[in-house]
């Protein structure tokens, strides 16, 4: 039985191959998965903060738009989300801000 160490927890895994390269792939994939989850979570958090600011104060949301767009761009650059998905998210954020400005 082989023990695998991830960045978050130590666990024993059954049913994985004994080949050295396959074991390495498991380790590398675990690291990449953790990084992708961290980047995706940070992006979602930035979008939620923008949405909250948009509902409470349009000027604060306008200041957050650049940072939120940058967060989405970084996620796309790292390959966590597709570049078209990133552009779509940024366009929707900008459209929401413009709509809120017109309403006020």
Protein backbone atom coordinates (compact mmCIF):
# COMPACT_ATOMS: atom_id res chain seq x y z
CA UNK A 1 0.00 0.00 0.00
CA UNK A 2 1.38 3.39 -1.00
CA UNK A 3 0.93 6.59 0.97
CA UNK A 4 0.52 9.79 -0.98
CA UNK A 5 1.09 13.19 0.54
CA UNK A 6 -0.94 16.10 -0.74
CA UNK A 7 -0.48 19.71 0.27
CA UNK A 8 -3.60 19.65 2.39
CA UNK A 9 -3.68 16.25 4.03
CA UNK A 10 -1.91 12.93 4.37
CA UNK A 11 -3.91 10.02 3.07
CA UNK A 12 -3.52 6.42 2.04
CA UNK A 13 -4.77 5.60 -1.44
CA UNK A 14 -5.69 2.17 -2.78
CA UNK A 15 -5.89 1.04 -6.37
CA UNK A 16 -3.25 3.30 -7.88
CA UNK A 17 -0.49 1.95 -10.12
CA UNK A 18 2.94 1.07 -8.82
CA UNK A 19 4.72 2.52 -11.84
CA UNK A 20 7.04 5.37 -10.89
CA UNK A 21 5.87 7.74 -13.63
CA UNK A 22 2.21 7.11 -12.82
CA UNK A 23 2.85 7.82 -9.14
CA UNK A 24 4.51 11.10 -10.15
CA UNK A 25 1.52 11.99 -12.34
CA UNK A 26 -0.76 11.51 -9.33
CA UNK A 27 1.40 13.85 -7.25
CA UNK A 28 1.68 16.47 -10.00
CA UNK A 29 -2.04 16.33 -10.75
CA UNK A 30 -2.84 16.78 -7.07
CA UNK A 31 -0.64 19.89 -6.89
CA UNK A 32 -2.15 21.32 -10.06
CA UNK A 33 -5.66 20.58 -8.82
CA UNK A 34 -4.99 22.45 -5.58
CA UNK A 35 -3.53 25.43 -7.46
CA UNK A 36 -6.45 25.51 -9.89
CA UNK A 37 -8.95 25.37 -7.04
CA UNK A 38 -7.15 28.20 -5.23
CA UNK A 39 -7.09 30.41 -8.34
CA UNK A 40 -10.73 29.61 -9.23
CA UNK A 41 -11.83 30.34 -5.67
CA UNK A 42 -9.99 33.67 -5.61
CA UNK A 43 -11.60 34.64 -8.92
CA UNK A 44 -15.07 33.73 -7.69
CA UNK A 45 -14.47 35.69 -4.49
CA UNK A 46 -13.42 38.78 -6.47
CA UNK A 47 -16.55 38.53 -8.61
CA UNK A 48 -18.76 38.16 -5.52
CA UNK A 49 -17.13 41.22 -3.92
CA UNK A 50 -17.76 43.17 -7.12
CA UNK A 51 -21.42 42.09 -7.19
CA UNK A 52 -21.88 43.06 -3.55
CA UNK A 53 -20.25 46.46 -4.15
CA UNK A 54 -22.44 46.93 -7.22
CA UNK A 55 -25.59 46.48 -5.11
CA UNK A 56 -24.42 48.81 -2.36
CA UNK A 57 -22.27 51.51 -4.03
CA UNK A 58 -21.74 51.95 -7.77
CA UNK A 59 -18.59 54.05 -7.32
CA UNK A 60 -16.96 51.36 -5.17
CA UNK A 61 -17.87 48.76 -7.78
CA UNK A 62 -16.27 50.89 -10.49
CA UNK A 63 -13.04 50.91 -8.47
CA UNK A 64 -13.22 47.12 -8.04
CA UNK A 65 -13.82 46.40 -11.72
CA UNK A 66 -10.14 46.67 -12.68
CA UNK A 67 -9.03 44.32 -9.92
CA UNK A 68 -11.76 41.82 -10.69
CA UNK A 69 -10.92 41.86 -14.40
CA UNK A 70 -7.27 41.31 -13.52
CA UNK A 71 -8.18 38.33 -11.36
CA UNK A 72 -10.18 36.82 -14.22
CA UNK A 73 -7.31 37.48 -16.64
CA UNK A 74 -4.82 35.77 -14.32
CA UNK A 75 -7.06 32.72 -14.10
CA UNK A 76 -7.20 32.59 -17.90
CA UNK A 77 -3.45 33.06 -18.23
CA UNK A 78 -2.84 30.12 -15.89
CA UNK A 79 -5.24 27.97 -17.87
CA UNK A 80 -7.75 27.60 -15.06
CA UNK A 81 -10.54 29.00 -17.21
CA UNK A 82 -10.75 29.35 -20.98
CA UNK A 83 -9.83 32.74 -22.44
CA UNK A 84 -13.26 33.13 -24.06
CA UNK A 85 -14.92 32.38 -20.72
CA UNK A 86 -12.71 35.04 -19.11
CA UNK A 87 -13.67 37.60 -21.75
CA UNK A 88 -17.34 36.72 -21.34
CA UNK A 89 -17.12 37.18 -17.56
CA UNK A 90 -15.38 40.55 -17.92
CA UNK A 91 -17.94 41.74 -20.47
CA UNK A 92 -20.80 40.76 -18.17
CA UNK A 93 -19.18 42.58 -15.25
CA UNK A 94 -18.72 45.75 -17.32
CA UNK A 95 -22.27 45.51 -18.66
CA UNK A 96 -23.64 45.15 -15.12
CA UNK A 97 -21.67 48.20 -14.00
CA UNK A 98 -22.91 50.29 -16.93
CA UNK A 99 -26.49 49.18 -16.28
CA UNK A 100 -26.17 50.15 -12.62
CA UNK A 101 -24.74 53.56 -13.55
CA UNK A 102 -27.66 54.27 -15.86
CA UNK A 103 -30.13 53.22 -13.14
CA UNK A 104 -28.63 55.67 -10.63
